[in-house]
Amino acid sequence: MRPIPIPPKPGQESVWDYPRPAKWEDINKQIKVIFNDVVLAQTQRAKRVLETSHPPSYYIPAEDIKLEYLTETSRKTFCEWKGWCLHYKVSVGQKQVNYGAWRYFKPSPNFVSIQEYYSFYPRLMDACYVDDELVIPQAGNIYAGWITSDIVGPFKGEPGTMGW
């Protein structure tokens, strides 16, 4: 059963207007990721991926990430739209989290442009920002959407949404 979308107010987007299959787009908002008091990533050259029922995930170019804090793991996953993905452990000082970041090392043809871009799970980071707004992580253990005040749902991942 499809949920009833929340009507967006002026300046907002509904995740129910996002496409399926997913697509990416360039954005010029300031994106920042913080872990253990270190700014791991900061850019105004991000891409965001939009998919029906999900808040956007933001992808940051490698040049704008402190890659010395990321370690490739053996975990690989596959997305039917984006392709093959590698997951990374994030370690800063004594604090670490497995699978805190990922990148599509073998993207599908429509997602080649994000191949050298990384994304982060906001629920595993200390803070993620879009412009100066603190992101609310998408609910659920497998989702990585970044919820901001200009995005309305309901969002997949919330209780009772797995059948959408």
Protein backbone atom coordinates (compact mmCIF):
# COMPACT_ATOMS: atom_id res chain seq x y z
CA MET A 1 0.00 0.00 0.00
CA ARG A 2 1.42 3.37 -1.03
CA PRO A 3 1.46 5.87 1.82
CA ILE A 4 -0.18 9.27 1.68
CA PRO A 5 2.54 11.81 0.78
CA ILE A 6 2.88 14.91 2.94
CA PRO A 7 2.12 17.91 0.71
CA PRO A 8 5.26 20.03 0.32
CA LYS A 9 5.13 23.67 1.34
CA PRO A 10 6.81 26.36 -0.78
CA GLY A 11 10.55 25.64 -0.94
CA GLN A 12 10.11 21.96 -0.05
CA GLU A 13 10.31 18.74 -2.07
CA SER A 14 8.37 15.53 -1.56
CA VAL A 15 10.31 12.29 -1.79
CA TRP A 16 7.21 10.95 -3.53
CA ASP A 17 8.00 13.21 -6.48
CA TYR A 18 11.50 11.72 -6.78
CA PRO A 19 12.04 9.26 -9.65
CA ARG A 20 12.16 5.49 -9.79
CA PRO A 21 14.61 4.33 -10.95
CA ALA A 22 16.96 6.61 -9.04
CA LYS A 23 18.85 9.49 -10.64
CA TRP A 24 21.69 11.79 -9.59
CA GLU A 25 22.08 15.55 -9.88
CA ASP A 26 24.76 18.15 -9.18
CA ILE A 27 24.14 20.50 -6.28
CA ASN A 28 26.04 23.54 -5.05
CA LYS A 29 25.02 23.42 -1.39
CA GLN A 30 27.73 23.20 1.28
CA ILE A 31 28.00 19.57 2.44
CA LYS A 32 29.96 18.72 5.59
CA VAL A 33 30.62 15.47 7.47
CA ILE A 34 32.09 15.40 11.00
CA PHE A 35 33.40 12.37 12.89
CA ASN A 36 35.22 12.47 16.24
CA ASP A 37 35.59 16.27 16.00
CA VAL A 38 37.30 16.06 12.58
CA VAL A 39 35.72 17.48 9.43
CA LEU A 40 36.07 14.39 7.22
CA ALA A 41 34.51 15.96 4.17
CA GLN A 42 33.46 19.40 3.04
CA THR A 43 32.41 20.46 -0.44
CA GLN A 44 30.18 22.59 -2.61
CA ARG A 45 30.66 20.14 -5.51
CA ALA A 46 28.49 17.27 -4.29
CA LYS A 47 25.99 15.19 -6.18
CA ARG A 48 22.78 13.94 -4.67
CA VAL A 49 20.93 10.77 -5.54
CA LEU A 50 17.14 10.93 -5.59
CA GLU A 51 14.87 7.91 -5.37
CA THR A 52 11.14 7.62 -4.68
CA SER A 53 10.33 7.41 -0.95
CA HIS A 54 13.91 8.14 0.18
CA PRO A 55 15.54 11.36 1.33
CA PRO A 56 18.60 12.20 -0.80
CA SER A 57 22.03 10.70 -0.25
CA TYR A 58 24.92 13.09 -0.90
CA TYR A 59 28.07 12.04 -2.73
CA ILE A 60 31.28 13.98 -2.18
CA PRO A 61 34.25 14.09 -4.56
CA ALA A 62 37.36 12.27 -3.32
CA GLU A 63 39.40 15.50 -3.48
CA ASP A 64 37.15 17.03 -0.79
CA ILE A 65 37.47 14.13 1.68
CA LYS A 66 40.24 13.32 4.17
CA LEU A 67 40.68 9.84 2.71
CA GLU A 68 43.38 8.93 5.24
CA TYR A 69 40.52 8.28 7.71
CA LEU A 70 38.80 5.76 5.41
CA THR A 71 39.89 2.14 5.05
CA GLU A 72 38.44 -0.09 2.36
CA THR A 73 36.70 -3.19 3.73
CA SER A 74 35.93 -6.47 1.99
CA ARG A 75 32.21 -5.67 1.98
CA LYS A 76 30.72 -5.20 -1.50
CA THR A 77 27.07 -4.65 -2.27
CA PHE A 78 25.03 -4.26 -5.42
CA CYS A 79 22.30 -1.73 -6.25
CA GLU A 80 20.14 -2.50 -9.26
CA TRP A 81 20.36 1.15 -10.39
CA LYS A 82 23.76 2.36 -9.20
CA GLY A 83 25.94 -0.75 -9.59
CA TRP A 84 28.68 -2.30 -7.41
CA CYS A 85 29.67 -0.59 -4.19
CA LEU A 86 32.63 -0.80 -1.78
CA HIS A 87 32.21 0.02 1.90
CA TYR A 88 34.76 1.77 4.12
CA LYS A 89 35.64 1.79 7.80
CA VAL A 90 35.91 5.31 9.22
CA SER A 91 38.60 5.74 11.91
CA VAL A 92 39.60 8.95 13.66
CA GLY A 93 41.78 8.57 16.75
CA GLN A 94 40.33 5.85 18.95
CA LYS A 95 36.86 6.13 17.43
CA GLN A 96 35.89 3.95 14.48
CA VAL A 97 32.84 2.63 12.71
CA ASN A 98 32.67 -0.17 10.18
CA TYR A 99 30.87 0.58 6.94
CA GLY A 100 30.45 4.29 7.66
CA ALA A 101 31.12 5.32 4.06
CA TRP A 102 30.82 3.82 0.59
CA ARG A 103 31.55 4.42 -3.06
CA TYR A 104 30.42 2.87 -6.35
CA PHE A 105 33.62 1.38 -7.76
CA LYS A 106 31.80 -0.26 -10.67
CA PRO A 107 28.78 1.95 -11.33
CA SER A 108 26.02 1.29 -13.82
CA PRO A 109 26.18 3.42 -17.00
CA ASN A 110 23.76 6.02 -15.60
CA PHE A 111 25.89 6.51 -12.47
CA VAL A 112 29.44 6.64 -13.86
CA SER A 113 29.64 10.30 -12.79
CA ILE A 114 29.61 9.30 -9.07
CA GLN A 115 32.37 6.69 -9.40
CA GLU A 116 35.02 8.81 -7.62
CA TYR A 117 32.52 10.16 -5.08
CA TYR A 118 31.92 8.85 -1.57
CA SER A 119 28.86 8.99 0.64
CA PHE A 120 28.45 8.65 4.40
CA TYR A 121 25.78 7.17 6.65
CA PRO A 122 24.64 10.18 8.68
CA ARG A 123 23.44 7.96 11.55
CA LEU A 124 27.02 6.72 12.03
CA MET A 125 28.71 10.12 11.86
CA ASP A 126 28.74 12.71 14.65
CA ALA A 127 27.12 15.28 12.38
CA CYS A 128 26.31 15.86 8.72
CA TYR A 129 25.24 19.23 7.36
CA VAL A 130 23.56 20.52 4.22
CA ASP A 131 24.46 24.19 4.16
CA ASP A 132 24.27 25.01 7.88
CA GLU A 133 21.41 22.62 8.66
CA LEU A 134 22.10 19.56 10.78
CA VAL A 135 20.85 16.47 8.95
CA ILE A 136 18.42 13.99 10.49
CA PRO A 137 19.40 10.44 9.44
CA GLN A 138 16.88 8.33 7.55
CA ALA A 139 15.40 5.67 9.83
CA GLY A 140 16.44 2.05 9.48
CA ASN A 141 19.75 0.25 9.54
CA ILE A 142 20.17 -0.07 5.78
CA TYR A 143 19.26 3.43 4.61
CA ALA A 144 21.50 6.45 4.25
CA GLY A 145 19.22 9.37 3.38
CA TRP A 146 19.89 12.86 4.68
CA ILE A 147 16.69 14.52 5.95
CA THR A 148 16.55 18.31 5.96
CA SER A 149 13.68 20.74 6.49
CA ASP A 150 13.18 21.16 2.74
CA ILE A 151 12.34 17.45 2.26
CA VAL A 152 8.99 15.87 3.25
CA GLY A 153 7.91 12.23 3.39
CA PRO A 154 6.81 9.95 4.79
CA PHE A 155 10.19 8.25 4.32
CA LYS A 156 10.92 4.60 3.72
CA GLY A 157 12.68 3.15 6.75
CA GLU A 158 10.23 4.48 9.32
CA PRO A 159 8.26 1.83 11.27
CA GLY A 160 5.75 0.03 9.05
CA THR A 161 7.33 1.10 5.74
CA MET A 162 9.26 -1.98 4.63
CA GLY A 163 6.45 -3.12 2.34
CA TRP A 164 6.46 0.04 0.21
